[in-house]
């Protein structure tokens, strides 16, 4: 696989995963009670526990996004 193809691949990965991260943040910021009520049907958590879990998942997703999508894209742009 050549470098321009990999750059295109990681660019699209960054756009898709960054969009999902932004969408998740907007939904949790705009309607936290709606998300809590929806998830409460499947997971019996208190509001405080739910907030901690969602914050943890957001942080973990952001770290994985940076390590597996953004960093390889930057490296490919530097060497390309």
C-alpha atoms as a PDB file:
ATOM      1  CA  UNK A   1       0.000   0.000   0.000  1.00  0.00           C
ATOM      2  CA  UNK A   2       1.370   3.406  -0.886  1.00  0.00           C
ATOM      3  CA  UNK A   3       1.602   6.449   1.381  1.00  0.00           C
ATOM      4  CA  UNK A   4      -1.149   8.555  -0.322  1.00  0.00           C
ATOM      5  CA  UNK A   5      -3.608   5.665   0.096  1.00  0.00           C
ATOM      6  CA  UNK A   6      -2.722   5.313   3.768  1.00  0.00           C
ATOM      7  CA  UNK A   7      -3.015   9.077   4.255  1.00  0.00           C
ATOM      8  CA  UNK A   8      -6.476   8.991   2.695  1.00  0.00           C
ATOM      9  CA  UNK A   9      -7.468   6.012   4.836  1.00  0.00           C
ATOM     10  CA  UNK A  10      -6.364   7.617   8.104  1.00  0.00           C
ATOM     11  CA  UNK A  11      -7.912  10.947   7.108  1.00  0.00           C
ATOM     12  CA  UNK A  12     -11.281   9.260   6.660  1.00  0.00           C
ATOM     13  CA  UNK A  13     -10.802   7.346   9.909  1.00  0.00           C
ATOM     14  CA  UNK A  14     -10.112  10.648  11.687  1.00  0.00           C
ATOM     15  CA  UNK A  15     -13.145  12.319  10.154  1.00  0.00           C
ATOM     16  CA  UNK A  16     -15.511   9.474  10.997  1.00  0.00           C
ATOM     17  CA  UNK A  17     -14.225   8.843  14.530  1.00  0.00           C
ATOM     18  CA  UNK A  18     -13.871  12.569  15.252  1.00  0.00           C
ATOM     19  CA  UNK A  19     -17.442  13.071  14.073  1.00  0.00           C
ATOM     20  CA  UNK A  20     -18.674  10.282  16.325  1.00  0.00           C
ATOM     21  CA  UNK A  21     -16.787  11.761  19.263  1.00  0.00           C
ATOM     22  CA  UNK A  22     -18.207  15.238  18.590  1.00  0.00           C
ATOM     23  CA  UNK A  23     -21.732  13.806  18.170  1.00  0.00           C
ATOM     24  CA  UNK A  24     -21.430  11.906  21.451  1.00  0.00           C
ATOM     25  CA  UNK A  25     -20.246  15.028  23.272  1.00  0.00           C
ATOM     26  CA  UNK A  26     -23.051  17.160  21.808  1.00  0.00           C
ATOM     27  CA  UNK A  27     -25.736  14.604  22.703  1.00  0.00           C
ATOM     28  CA  UNK A  28     -24.423  14.211  26.257  1.00  0.00           C
ATOM     29  CA  UNK A  29     -24.182  17.990  26.675  1.00  0.00           C
ATOM     30  CA  UNK A  30     -27.539  18.849  25.118  1.00  0.00           C
ATOM     31  CA  UNK A  31     -29.719  16.101  26.571  1.00  0.00           C
ATOM     32  CA  UNK A  32     -28.010  14.297  29.457  1.00  0.00           C
ATOM     33  CA  UNK A  33     -31.293  13.339  31.120  1.00  0.00           C
ATOM     34  CA  UNK A  34     -32.638  11.785  27.915  1.00  0.00           C
ATOM     35  CA  UNK A  35     -29.486   9.705  27.510  1.00  0.00           C
ATOM     36  CA  UNK A  36     -29.617   8.687  31.172  1.00  0.00           C
ATOM     37  CA  UNK A  37     -33.276   7.641  30.973  1.00  0.00           C
ATOM     38  CA  UNK A  38     -32.649   5.679  27.781  1.00  0.00           C
ATOM     39  CA  UNK A  39     -29.637   3.818  29.166  1.00  0.00           C
ATOM     40  CA  UNK A  40     -31.288   3.253  32.542  1.00  0.00           C
ATOM     41  CA  UNK A  41     -33.616   0.726  30.906  1.00  0.00           C
ATOM     42  CA  UNK A  42     -30.647  -1.579  30.248  1.00  0.00           C
ATOM     43  CA  UNK A  43     -28.155  -0.642  32.951  1.00  0.00           C
ATOM     44  CA  UNK A  44     -29.336  -0.032  36.533  1.00  0.00           C
ATOM     45  CA  UNK A  45     -26.984   2.816  37.459  1.00  0.00           C
ATOM     46  CA  UNK A  46     -27.466   5.886  39.582  1.00  0.00           C
ATOM     47  CA  UNK A  47     -27.121   9.283  37.915  1.00  0.00           C
ATOM     48  CA  UNK A  48     -23.691   9.928  39.466  1.00  0.00           C
ATOM     49  CA  UNK A  49     -22.393   6.507  38.404  1.00  0.00           C
ATOM     50  CA  UNK A  50     -23.734   7.047  34.894  1.00  0.00           C
ATOM     51  CA  UNK A  51     -21.954  10.401  34.646  1.00  0.00           C
ATOM     52  CA  UNK A  52     -18.655   8.870  35.745  1.00  0.00           C
ATOM     53  CA  UNK A  53     -19.016   5.968  33.292  1.00  0.00           C
ATOM     54  CA  UNK A  54     -19.859   8.278  30.368  1.00  0.00           C
ATOM     55  CA  UNK A  55     -16.970  10.606  31.218  1.00  0.00           C
ATOM     56  CA  UNK A  56     -14.629   7.614  31.398  1.00  0.00           C
ATOM     57  CA  UNK A  57     -15.832   6.243  28.064  1.00  0.00           C
ATOM     58  CA  UNK A  58     -15.418   9.637  26.432  1.00  0.00           C
ATOM     59  CA  UNK A  59     -11.879   9.908  27.735  1.00  0.00           C
ATOM     60  CA  UNK A  60     -11.000   6.380  26.642  1.00  0.00           C
ATOM     61  CA  UNK A  61     -12.503   6.923  23.178  1.00  0.00           C
ATOM     62  CA  UNK A  62     -10.559  10.177  22.828  1.00  0.00           C
ATOM     63  CA  UNK A  63      -7.299   8.489  23.820  1.00  0.00           C
ATOM     64  CA  UNK A  64      -7.865   5.636  21.350  1.00  0.00           C
ATOM     65  CA  UNK A  65      -8.808   8.163  18.655  1.00  0.00           C
ATOM     66  CA  UNK A  66      -5.584  10.077  19.224  1.00  0.00           C
ATOM     67  CA  UNK A  67      -3.373   6.963  19.336  1.00  0.00           C
ATOM     68  CA  UNK A  68      -4.870   4.891  16.523  1.00  0.00           C
ATOM     69  CA  UNK A  69      -6.176   7.536  14.092  1.00  0.00           C
ATOM     70  CA  UNK A  70      -4.694  10.973  14.594  1.00  0.00           C
ATOM     71  CA  UNK A  71      -1.080  10.069  15.397  1.00  0.00           C
ATOM     72  CA  UNK A  72      -0.627   7.732  12.383  1.00  0.00           C
ATOM     73  CA  UNK A  73      -2.159  10.388  10.118  1.00  0.00           C
ATOM     74  CA  UNK A  74       0.256  13.036  11.375  1.00  0.00           C
ATOM     75  CA  UNK A  75       3.189  10.622  10.947  1.00  0.00           C
ATOM     76  CA  UNK A  76       2.139   9.816   7.379  1.00  0.00           C
ATOM     77  CA  UNK A  77       1.722  13.495   6.558  1.00  0.00           C
ATOM     78  CA  UNK A  78       5.226  14.194   7.871  1.00  0.00           C
ATOM     79  CA  UNK A  79       6.904  11.425   5.885  1.00  0.00           C
ATOM     80  CA  UNK A  80       4.732  11.937   2.788  1.00  0.00           C
END
